[in-house]
């Protein structure tokens, strides 16, 4: 498997919408969202992230097979070094190491930008994502019970975090 990463561009919006929508339509294991995304909606999202909040894509065979990005955790200045991250892998590429490649590249991009912590919320039943995060140096902090109510059923989430010690002030 030859998977390469690079910074995302606006022209990647269709691939972003595809993998995001797979998580909404097919298996409901990776997002709280219930509304499908369009490439037109994803383009401004990509532009908003800019240089300060990296978004990385994984390519294999000239196709985008996944992406990872970091968003601001909170708007208050005291949280500027904490990023809330997401990782999405196209359904036909899951279980092939793409998530690890993306997460490693995202951590390195965040390290270079001075982030001291990355956090995320993962559904408790998403055992693949939980195992990936543990392998990549994240720890599970706690479980939020009844964090969201998509599709009429309550879902619990585990909070994961990874410190980037060299950037801690």
N, C-alpha and C. Protein backbone atom coordinates (compact mmCIF):
# COMPACT_ATOMS: atom_id res chain seq x y z
N UNK A 1 0.85 -1.18 0.00
CA UNK A 1 0.00 0.00 0.00
C UNK A 1 0.89 1.23 0.00
N UNK A 2 0.76 2.07 -1.00
CA UNK A 2 1.51 3.31 -1.09
C UNK A 2 0.54 4.46 -0.85
N UNK A 3 0.49 4.92 0.38
CA UNK A 3 -0.39 6.02 0.76
C UNK A 3 0.48 7.22 1.10
N UNK A 4 0.18 8.34 0.48
CA UNK A 4 0.91 9.58 0.72
C UNK A 4 -0.04 10.62 1.29
N UNK A 5 0.50 11.51 2.10
CA UNK A 5 -0.32 12.58 2.65
C UNK A 5 0.14 13.92 2.10
N UNK A 6 -0.79 14.85 2.11
CA UNK A 6 -0.50 16.23 1.69
C UNK A 6 -1.55 17.14 2.31
N UNK A 7 -1.29 18.42 2.27
CA UNK A 7 -2.27 19.40 2.74
C UNK A 7 -3.47 19.40 1.79
N UNK A 8 -4.64 19.52 2.35
CA UNK A 8 -5.87 19.56 1.55
C UNK A 8 -6.00 20.90 0.83
N UNK A 9 -6.71 20.87 -0.28
CA UNK A 9 -7.02 22.08 -1.03
C UNK A 9 -8.53 22.11 -1.30
N UNK A 10 -9.01 23.24 -1.76
CA UNK A 10 -10.42 23.37 -2.08
C UNK A 10 -10.91 22.37 -3.12
N UNK A 11 -10.02 21.94 -3.99
CA UNK A 11 -10.42 20.98 -5.02
C UNK A 11 -10.67 19.58 -4.46
N UNK A 12 -10.35 19.38 -3.18
CA UNK A 12 -10.60 18.08 -2.53
C UNK A 12 -12.01 17.97 -1.94
N UNK A 13 -12.81 18.98 -2.09
CA UNK A 13 -14.12 19.05 -1.42
C UNK A 13 -15.03 17.87 -1.76
N UNK A 14 -15.03 17.41 -2.99
CA UNK A 14 -15.91 16.29 -3.37
C UNK A 14 -15.50 15.01 -2.64
N UNK A 15 -14.19 14.76 -2.53
CA UNK A 15 -13.72 13.58 -1.82
C UNK A 15 -14.05 13.67 -0.33
N UNK A 16 -13.97 14.88 0.23
CA UNK A 16 -14.34 15.07 1.63
C UNK A 16 -15.81 14.75 1.85
N UNK A 17 -16.64 15.25 0.97
CA UNK A 17 -18.08 15.00 1.10
C UNK A 17 -18.38 13.51 0.98
N UNK A 18 -17.71 12.82 0.08
CA UNK A 18 -17.94 11.39 -0.11
C UNK A 18 -17.66 10.61 1.17
N UNK A 19 -16.47 10.75 1.74
CA UNK A 19 -16.13 9.96 2.93
C UNK A 19 -16.96 10.38 4.14
N UNK A 20 -17.27 11.66 4.25
CA UNK A 20 -18.10 12.14 5.35
C UNK A 20 -19.51 11.55 5.23
N UNK A 21 -20.06 11.59 4.03
CA UNK A 21 -21.42 11.08 3.81
C UNK A 21 -21.51 9.57 4.01
N UNK A 22 -20.44 8.84 3.71
CA UNK A 22 -20.44 7.41 3.99
C UNK A 22 -20.66 7.16 5.48
N UNK A 23 -20.06 7.99 6.31
CA UNK A 23 -20.24 7.86 7.76
C UNK A 23 -21.65 8.18 8.22
N UNK A 24 -22.36 8.99 7.45
CA UNK A 24 -23.75 9.33 7.79
C UNK A 24 -24.71 8.27 7.25
N UNK A 25 -24.54 7.91 5.99
CA UNK A 25 -25.49 7.01 5.31
C UNK A 25 -25.33 5.54 5.67
N UNK A 26 -24.09 5.10 5.81
CA UNK A 26 -23.86 3.66 5.81
C UNK A 26 -23.69 3.03 7.19
N UNK A 27 -22.90 3.64 8.04
CA UNK A 27 -22.60 2.90 9.27
C UNK A 27 -22.78 3.69 10.55
N UNK A 28 -22.89 5.00 10.48
CA UNK A 28 -23.17 5.84 11.66
C UNK A 28 -22.19 5.57 12.81
N UNK A 29 -20.90 5.40 12.50
CA UNK A 29 -19.95 5.15 13.58
C UNK A 29 -19.00 6.31 13.84
N UNK A 30 -19.05 7.37 12.99
CA UNK A 30 -18.00 8.37 13.12
C UNK A 30 -18.48 9.82 13.21
N UNK A 31 -19.75 10.09 13.12
CA UNK A 31 -20.18 11.48 13.16
C UNK A 31 -21.52 11.63 13.86
N UNK A 32 -21.67 12.77 14.52
CA UNK A 32 -22.95 13.12 15.14
C UNK A 32 -23.94 13.63 14.09
N UNK A 33 -23.42 14.05 12.96
CA UNK A 33 -24.23 14.68 11.93
C UNK A 33 -25.21 13.70 11.29
N UNK A 34 -26.34 14.23 10.86
CA UNK A 34 -27.33 13.43 10.16
C UNK A 34 -27.63 14.00 8.77
N UNK A 35 -27.16 15.21 8.49
CA UNK A 35 -27.42 15.86 7.21
C UNK A 35 -26.22 15.65 6.29
N UNK A 36 -26.49 15.17 5.08
CA UNK A 36 -25.43 14.92 4.11
C UNK A 36 -24.74 16.22 3.73
N UNK A 37 -23.47 16.12 3.40
CA UNK A 37 -22.65 17.27 3.01
C UNK A 37 -22.50 17.29 1.50
N UNK A 38 -22.31 18.47 0.96
CA UNK A 38 -22.07 18.63 -0.47
C UNK A 38 -20.65 19.18 -0.66
N UNK A 39 -20.08 18.98 -1.84
CA UNK A 39 -18.77 19.58 -2.10
C UNK A 39 -18.81 21.11 -1.94
N UNK A 40 -19.91 21.72 -2.32
CA UNK A 40 -20.03 23.18 -2.20
C UNK A 40 -20.00 23.62 -0.73
N UNK A 41 -20.54 22.81 0.15
CA UNK A 41 -20.52 23.13 1.58
C UNK A 41 -19.14 22.88 2.18
N UNK A 42 -18.44 21.90 1.67
CA UNK A 42 -17.11 21.55 2.20
C UNK A 42 -16.04 22.56 1.79
N UNK A 43 -16.19 23.22 0.65
CA UNK A 43 -15.17 24.17 0.19
C UNK A 43 -14.94 25.31 1.18
N UNK A 44 -15.99 26.00 1.66
CA UNK A 44 -15.73 27.05 2.65
C UNK A 44 -15.16 26.48 3.96
N UNK A 45 -15.58 25.27 4.33
CA UNK A 45 -15.04 24.64 5.54
C UNK A 45 -13.54 24.48 5.40
N UNK A 46 -13.09 24.00 4.25
CA UNK A 46 -11.66 23.85 4.01
C UNK A 46 -10.95 25.19 4.05
N UNK A 47 -11.55 26.19 3.42
CA UNK A 47 -10.93 27.53 3.38
C UNK A 47 -10.82 28.14 4.77
N UNK A 48 -11.80 27.92 5.63
CA UNK A 48 -11.79 28.46 6.99
C UNK A 48 -10.64 27.90 7.81
N UNK A 49 -10.23 26.69 7.53
CA UNK A 49 -9.17 26.07 8.33
C UNK A 49 -7.82 26.71 8.06
N UNK A 50 -7.55 27.03 6.83
CA UNK A 50 -6.34 27.74 6.49
C UNK A 50 -5.07 27.13 7.06
N UNK A 51 -4.07 27.94 7.22
CA UNK A 51 -2.76 27.49 7.67
C UNK A 51 -2.73 27.16 9.16
N UNK A 52 -3.56 27.79 9.96
CA UNK A 52 -3.52 27.60 11.41
C UNK A 52 -4.13 26.29 11.88
N UNK A 53 -5.07 25.76 11.14
CA UNK A 53 -5.77 24.53 11.52
C UNK A 53 -5.68 23.54 10.36
N UNK A 54 -4.63 22.71 10.37
CA UNK A 54 -4.34 21.87 9.20
C UNK A 54 -5.40 20.83 8.90
N UNK A 55 -5.53 20.58 7.62
CA UNK A 55 -6.36 19.49 7.11
C UNK A 55 -5.47 18.72 6.13
N UNK A 56 -5.41 17.42 6.33
CA UNK A 56 -4.51 16.54 5.58
C UNK A 56 -5.35 15.52 4.80
N UNK A 57 -4.92 15.22 3.58
CA UNK A 57 -5.56 14.14 2.83
C UNK A 57 -4.57 13.00 2.64
N UNK A 58 -5.10 11.79 2.51
CA UNK A 58 -4.31 10.62 2.15
C UNK A 58 -4.68 10.23 0.73
N UNK A 59 -3.66 10.04 -0.09
CA UNK A 59 -3.88 9.65 -1.48
C UNK A 59 -3.25 8.29 -1.75
N UNK A 60 -3.93 7.50 -2.55
CA UNK A 60 -3.41 6.22 -3.01
C UNK A 60 -3.88 6.05 -4.45
N UNK A 61 -2.95 5.77 -5.33
CA UNK A 61 -3.32 5.57 -6.73
C UNK A 61 -4.00 6.76 -7.35
N UNK A 62 -3.64 7.95 -6.92
CA UNK A 62 -4.23 9.17 -7.47
C UNK A 62 -5.60 9.52 -6.93
N UNK A 63 -6.09 8.76 -5.95
CA UNK A 63 -7.40 9.03 -5.36
C UNK A 63 -7.24 9.41 -3.89
N UNK A 64 -8.14 10.26 -3.42
CA UNK A 64 -8.17 10.58 -2.00
C UNK A 64 -8.93 9.47 -1.29
N UNK A 65 -8.27 8.85 -0.32
CA UNK A 65 -8.85 7.71 0.38
C UNK A 65 -9.19 8.02 1.83
N UNK A 66 -8.88 9.24 2.26
CA UNK A 66 -9.22 9.66 3.62
C UNK A 66 -8.70 11.05 3.90
N UNK A 67 -9.13 11.58 5.02
CA UNK A 67 -8.67 12.90 5.43
C UNK A 67 -8.74 13.03 6.94
N UNK A 68 -7.96 13.96 7.45
CA UNK A 68 -7.96 14.29 8.88
C UNK A 68 -7.79 15.79 9.00
N UNK A 69 -8.46 16.36 9.97
CA UNK A 69 -8.35 17.80 10.15
C UNK A 69 -8.49 18.19 11.60
N UNK A 70 -8.01 19.37 11.91
CA UNK A 70 -8.14 19.91 13.26
C UNK A 70 -8.88 21.24 13.17
N UNK A 71 -9.80 21.43 14.10
CA UNK A 71 -10.60 22.65 14.21
C UNK A 71 -10.34 23.27 15.56
N UNK A 72 -10.67 24.55 15.70
CA UNK A 72 -10.52 25.16 17.03
C UNK A 72 -11.36 24.41 18.06
N UNK A 73 -10.79 24.21 19.24
CA UNK A 73 -11.50 23.53 20.32
C UNK A 73 -12.56 24.45 20.93
N UNK A 74 -12.19 25.65 21.24
CA UNK A 74 -13.09 26.67 21.77
C UNK A 74 -12.63 28.03 21.25
N UNK A 75 -13.47 29.02 21.31
CA UNK A 75 -13.12 30.34 20.77
C UNK A 75 -12.30 31.20 21.73
N UNK A 76 -12.29 30.87 23.01
CA UNK A 76 -11.55 31.69 23.96
C UNK A 76 -10.04 31.54 23.74
N UNK A 77 -9.28 32.64 23.84
CA UNK A 77 -7.83 32.60 23.57
C UNK A 77 -7.07 31.59 24.42
N UNK A 78 -7.52 31.31 25.63
CA UNK A 78 -6.79 30.38 26.49
C UNK A 78 -6.77 28.96 25.94
N UNK A 79 -7.62 28.65 24.98
CA UNK A 79 -7.68 27.31 24.38
C UNK A 79 -7.01 27.25 23.01
N UNK A 80 -6.29 28.29 22.63
CA UNK A 80 -5.74 28.38 21.26
C UNK A 80 -4.81 27.23 20.91
N UNK A 81 -4.17 26.60 21.87
CA UNK A 81 -3.24 25.50 21.60
C UNK A 81 -3.87 24.13 21.64
N UNK A 82 -5.19 24.08 21.75
CA UNK A 82 -5.90 22.80 21.76
C UNK A 82 -6.70 22.69 20.47
N UNK A 83 -6.57 21.56 19.79
CA UNK A 83 -7.31 21.35 18.56
C UNK A 83 -8.25 20.16 18.69
N UNK A 84 -9.44 20.30 18.15
CA UNK A 84 -10.40 19.20 18.08
C UNK A 84 -10.24 18.56 16.71
N UNK A 85 -9.94 17.28 16.69
CA UNK A 85 -9.62 16.65 15.41
C UNK A 85 -10.65 15.60 14.99
N UNK A 86 -10.61 15.32 13.69
CA UNK A 86 -11.45 14.29 13.07
C UNK A 86 -10.61 13.52 12.08
N UNK A 87 -10.93 12.25 11.92
CA UNK A 87 -10.28 11.39 10.93
C UNK A 87 -11.38 10.61 10.21
N UNK A 88 -11.37 10.67 8.89
CA UNK A 88 -12.34 9.93 8.08
C UNK A 88 -11.59 9.16 7.01
N UNK A 89 -11.89 7.89 6.89
CA UNK A 89 -11.29 7.04 5.86
C UNK A 89 -12.42 6.49 4.99
N UNK A 90 -12.21 6.57 3.70
CA UNK A 90 -13.20 6.05 2.77
C UNK A 90 -13.48 4.59 3.09
N UNK A 91 -14.72 4.21 3.02
CA UNK A 91 -15.16 2.88 3.45
C UNK A 91 -14.32 1.74 2.86
N UNK A 92 -14.01 1.80 1.58
CA UNK A 92 -13.27 0.71 0.94
C UNK A 92 -11.77 0.71 1.29
N UNK A 93 -11.33 1.68 2.08
CA UNK A 93 -9.93 1.75 2.50
C UNK A 93 -9.76 1.54 4.00
N UNK A 94 -10.84 1.32 4.71
CA UNK A 94 -10.73 1.13 6.15
C UNK A 94 -10.02 -0.19 6.46
N UNK A 95 -9.29 -0.21 7.57
CA UNK A 95 -8.58 -1.40 8.00
C UNK A 95 -7.29 -1.66 7.25
N UNK A 96 -6.80 -0.66 6.51
CA UNK A 96 -5.58 -0.82 5.71
C UNK A 96 -4.47 0.12 6.14
N UNK A 97 -4.62 0.73 7.32
CA UNK A 97 -3.56 1.59 7.85
C UNK A 97 -3.66 3.06 7.48
N UNK A 98 -4.66 3.44 6.71
CA UNK A 98 -4.79 4.83 6.28
C UNK A 98 -5.03 5.76 7.47
N UNK A 99 -5.87 5.34 8.41
CA UNK A 99 -6.15 6.17 9.58
C UNK A 99 -4.89 6.50 10.36
N UNK A 100 -4.01 5.53 10.53
CA UNK A 100 -2.76 5.77 11.25
C UNK A 100 -1.85 6.73 10.50
N UNK A 101 -1.76 6.57 9.18
CA UNK A 101 -0.95 7.48 8.37
C UNK A 101 -1.48 8.90 8.51
N UNK A 102 -2.80 9.05 8.42
CA UNK A 102 -3.41 10.38 8.54
C UNK A 102 -3.21 10.98 9.92
N UNK A 103 -3.44 10.19 10.95
CA UNK A 103 -3.35 10.73 12.30
C UNK A 103 -1.92 11.13 12.64
N UNK A 104 -0.95 10.35 12.21
CA UNK A 104 0.45 10.70 12.43
C UNK A 104 0.80 12.00 11.71
N UNK A 105 0.38 12.14 10.47
CA UNK A 105 0.64 13.37 9.72
C UNK A 105 -0.05 14.57 10.37
N UNK A 106 -1.26 14.37 10.88
CA UNK A 106 -1.98 15.47 11.52
C UNK A 106 -1.29 15.89 12.82
N UNK A 107 -0.86 14.92 13.62
CA UNK A 107 -0.15 15.25 14.87
C UNK A 107 1.11 16.05 14.54
N UNK A 108 1.85 15.63 13.53
CA UNK A 108 3.09 16.34 13.17
C UNK A 108 2.78 17.76 12.67
N UNK A 109 1.73 17.92 11.88
CA UNK A 109 1.35 19.25 11.40
C UNK A 109 0.94 20.14 12.57
N UNK A 110 0.25 19.57 13.54
CA UNK A 110 -0.16 20.34 14.72
C UNK A 110 1.03 20.68 15.61
N UNK A 111 1.96 19.75 15.72
CA UNK A 111 3.19 20.00 16.48
C UNK A 111 3.92 21.21 15.88
N UNK A 112 4.03 21.24 14.55
CA UNK A 112 4.73 22.32 13.86
C UNK A 112 4.03 23.67 14.04
N UNK A 113 2.75 23.64 14.33
CA UNK A 113 1.99 24.89 14.49
C UNK A 113 1.82 25.29 15.96
N UNK A 114 2.44 24.54 16.86
CA UNK A 114 2.44 24.93 18.26
C UNK A 114 1.30 24.40 19.12
N UNK A 115 0.48 23.51 18.59
CA UNK A 115 -0.58 22.92 19.42
C UNK A 115 0.05 22.11 20.55
N UNK A 116 -0.56 22.14 21.72
CA UNK A 116 -0.07 21.32 22.83
C UNK A 116 -0.99 20.17 23.18
N UNK A 117 -2.18 20.15 22.58
CA UNK A 117 -3.10 19.04 22.85
C UNK A 117 -4.07 18.88 21.69
N UNK A 118 -4.37 17.61 21.37
CA UNK A 118 -5.43 17.27 20.43
C UNK A 118 -6.48 16.46 21.18
N UNK A 119 -7.75 16.74 20.89
CA UNK A 119 -8.85 16.03 21.53
C UNK A 119 -9.87 15.61 20.47
N UNK A 120 -10.68 14.62 20.84
CA UNK A 120 -11.79 14.22 19.99
C UNK A 120 -12.80 13.45 20.82
N UNK A 121 -13.97 13.27 20.26
CA UNK A 121 -15.03 12.47 20.85
C UNK A 121 -15.29 11.31 19.91
N UNK A 122 -15.28 10.09 20.43
CA UNK A 122 -15.47 8.90 19.61
C UNK A 122 -16.63 8.10 20.21
N UNK A 123 -17.54 7.64 19.36
CA UNK A 123 -18.61 6.79 19.86
C UNK A 123 -18.00 5.59 20.56
N UNK A 124 -18.55 5.19 21.68
CA UNK A 124 -17.97 4.10 22.47
C UNK A 124 -17.92 2.79 21.67
N UNK A 125 -18.84 2.59 20.74
CA UNK A 125 -18.87 1.36 19.96
C UNK A 125 -17.95 1.38 18.74
N UNK A 126 -17.27 2.50 18.49
CA UNK A 126 -16.35 2.59 17.36
C UNK A 126 -14.98 2.06 17.80
N UNK A 127 -14.91 0.75 17.93
CA UNK A 127 -13.71 0.11 18.47
C UNK A 127 -12.49 0.31 17.59
N UNK A 128 -12.67 0.41 16.28
CA UNK A 128 -11.54 0.64 15.39
C UNK A 128 -10.88 1.99 15.64
N UNK A 129 -11.68 3.03 15.75
CA UNK A 129 -11.13 4.36 16.00
C UNK A 129 -10.51 4.46 17.39
N UNK A 130 -11.15 3.84 18.35
CA UNK A 130 -10.59 3.86 19.71
C UNK A 130 -9.23 3.17 19.73
N UNK A 131 -9.12 2.02 19.09
CA UNK A 131 -7.84 1.29 19.07
C UNK A 131 -6.78 2.09 18.31
N UNK A 132 -7.15 2.71 17.20
CA UNK A 132 -6.22 3.54 16.44
C UNK A 132 -5.66 4.66 17.32
N UNK A 133 -6.54 5.36 18.01
CA UNK A 133 -6.09 6.48 18.83
C UNK A 133 -5.17 6.01 19.96
N UNK A 134 -5.48 4.89 20.57
CA UNK A 134 -4.59 4.37 21.61
C UNK A 134 -3.22 4.03 21.03
N UNK A 135 -3.18 3.41 19.85
CA UNK A 135 -1.90 3.08 19.20
C UNK A 135 -1.10 4.33 18.87
N UNK A 136 -1.79 5.43 18.61
CA UNK A 136 -1.13 6.66 18.20
C UNK A 136 -0.82 7.59 19.38
N UNK A 137 -0.90 7.07 20.59
CA UNK A 137 -0.47 7.83 21.76
C UNK A 137 -1.54 8.64 22.44
N UNK A 138 -2.78 8.46 22.05
CA UNK A 138 -3.88 9.15 22.73
C UNK A 138 -4.28 8.34 23.95
N UNK A 139 -4.93 8.98 24.88
CA UNK A 139 -5.49 8.28 26.03
C UNK A 139 -6.97 8.58 26.11
N UNK A 140 -7.70 7.62 26.65
CA UNK A 140 -9.13 7.83 26.86
C UNK A 140 -9.31 8.50 28.20
N UNK A 141 -9.98 9.65 28.20
CA UNK A 141 -10.12 10.46 29.40
C UNK A 141 -11.34 10.06 30.20
N UNK A 142 -12.47 9.99 29.54
CA UNK A 142 -13.71 9.61 30.21
C UNK A 142 -14.80 9.39 29.18
N UNK A 143 -15.91 8.89 29.65
CA UNK A 143 -17.06 8.67 28.77
C UNK A 143 -18.12 9.72 29.08
N UNK A 144 -18.59 10.38 28.02
CA UNK A 144 -19.72 11.28 28.12
C UNK A 144 -20.96 10.44 27.82
N UNK A 145 -21.83 10.30 28.79
CA UNK A 145 -23.07 9.56 28.56
C UNK A 145 -24.08 10.43 27.85
N UNK A 146 -24.82 9.80 26.97
CA UNK A 146 -25.90 10.48 26.24
C UNK A 146 -25.42 11.81 25.65
N UNK A 147 -24.33 11.75 24.90
CA UNK A 147 -23.71 12.94 24.31
C UNK A 147 -24.53 13.48 23.14
N UNK A 148 -25.20 12.59 22.42
CA UNK A 148 -25.93 13.01 21.23
C UNK A 148 -27.12 12.09 21.00
N UNK A 149 -28.09 12.57 20.23
CA UNK A 149 -29.32 11.82 19.99
C UNK A 149 -29.64 11.75 18.48
N UNK A 150 -28.70 11.28 17.66
CA UNK A 150 -29.06 11.15 16.25
C UNK A 150 -29.96 9.94 16.05
N UNK A 151 -30.83 10.03 15.11
CA UNK A 151 -31.70 8.89 14.76
C UNK A 151 -32.54 8.40 15.93
N UNK A 152 -32.80 9.24 16.91
CA UNK A 152 -33.69 8.89 18.00
C UNK A 152 -33.14 7.97 19.07
N UNK A 153 -31.84 7.74 19.11
CA UNK A 153 -31.27 6.93 20.19
C UNK A 153 -30.06 7.64 20.78
N UNK A 154 -29.95 7.57 22.09
CA UNK A 154 -28.84 8.21 22.79
C UNK A 154 -27.55 7.45 22.53
N UNK A 155 -26.47 8.21 22.29
CA UNK A 155 -25.16 7.60 22.07
C UNK A 155 -24.15 8.18 23.06
N UNK A 156 -23.31 7.30 23.59
CA UNK A 156 -22.24 7.71 24.49
C UNK A 156 -20.95 7.88 23.68
N UNK A 157 -20.09 8.76 24.16
CA UNK A 157 -18.82 9.01 23.50
C UNK A 157 -17.69 8.96 24.51
N UNK A 158 -16.54 8.53 24.06
CA UNK A 158 -15.34 8.58 24.88
C UNK A 158 -14.51 9.77 24.39
N UNK A 159 -14.00 10.53 25.34
CA UNK A 159 -13.11 11.64 25.02
C UNK A 159 -11.69 11.09 24.95
N UNK A 160 -10.98 11.42 23.88
CA UNK A 160 -9.57 11.06 23.78
C UNK A 160 -8.74 12.34 23.69
N UNK A 161 -7.51 12.24 24.21
CA UNK A 161 -6.61 13.38 24.11
C UNK A 161 -5.18 12.90 23.95
N UNK A 162 -4.38 13.75 23.30
CA UNK A 162 -2.95 13.50 23.21
C UNK A 162 -2.24 14.82 23.44
N UNK A 163 -1.35 14.80 24.39
CA UNK A 163 -0.52 15.97 24.64
C UNK A 163 0.64 16.00 23.66
N UNK A 164 1.09 17.19 23.33
CA UNK A 164 2.30 17.39 22.53
C UNK A 164 3.25 18.15 23.45
N UNK A 165 3.99 17.42 24.30
CA UNK A 165 4.74 18.03 25.41
C UNK A 165 5.71 19.12 25.01
N UNK A 166 6.38 18.97 23.86
CA UNK A 166 7.36 19.98 23.48
C UNK A 166 6.75 21.35 23.23
N UNK A 167 5.43 21.41 23.05
CA UNK A 167 4.75 22.69 22.84
C UNK A 167 4.06 23.21 24.10
N UNK A 168 4.20 22.53 25.19
CA UNK A 168 3.54 22.99 26.42
C UNK A 168 4.36 24.12 27.03
N UNK A 169 3.66 25.14 27.42
CA UNK A 169 4.33 26.33 27.96
C UNK A 169 4.38 26.25 29.46
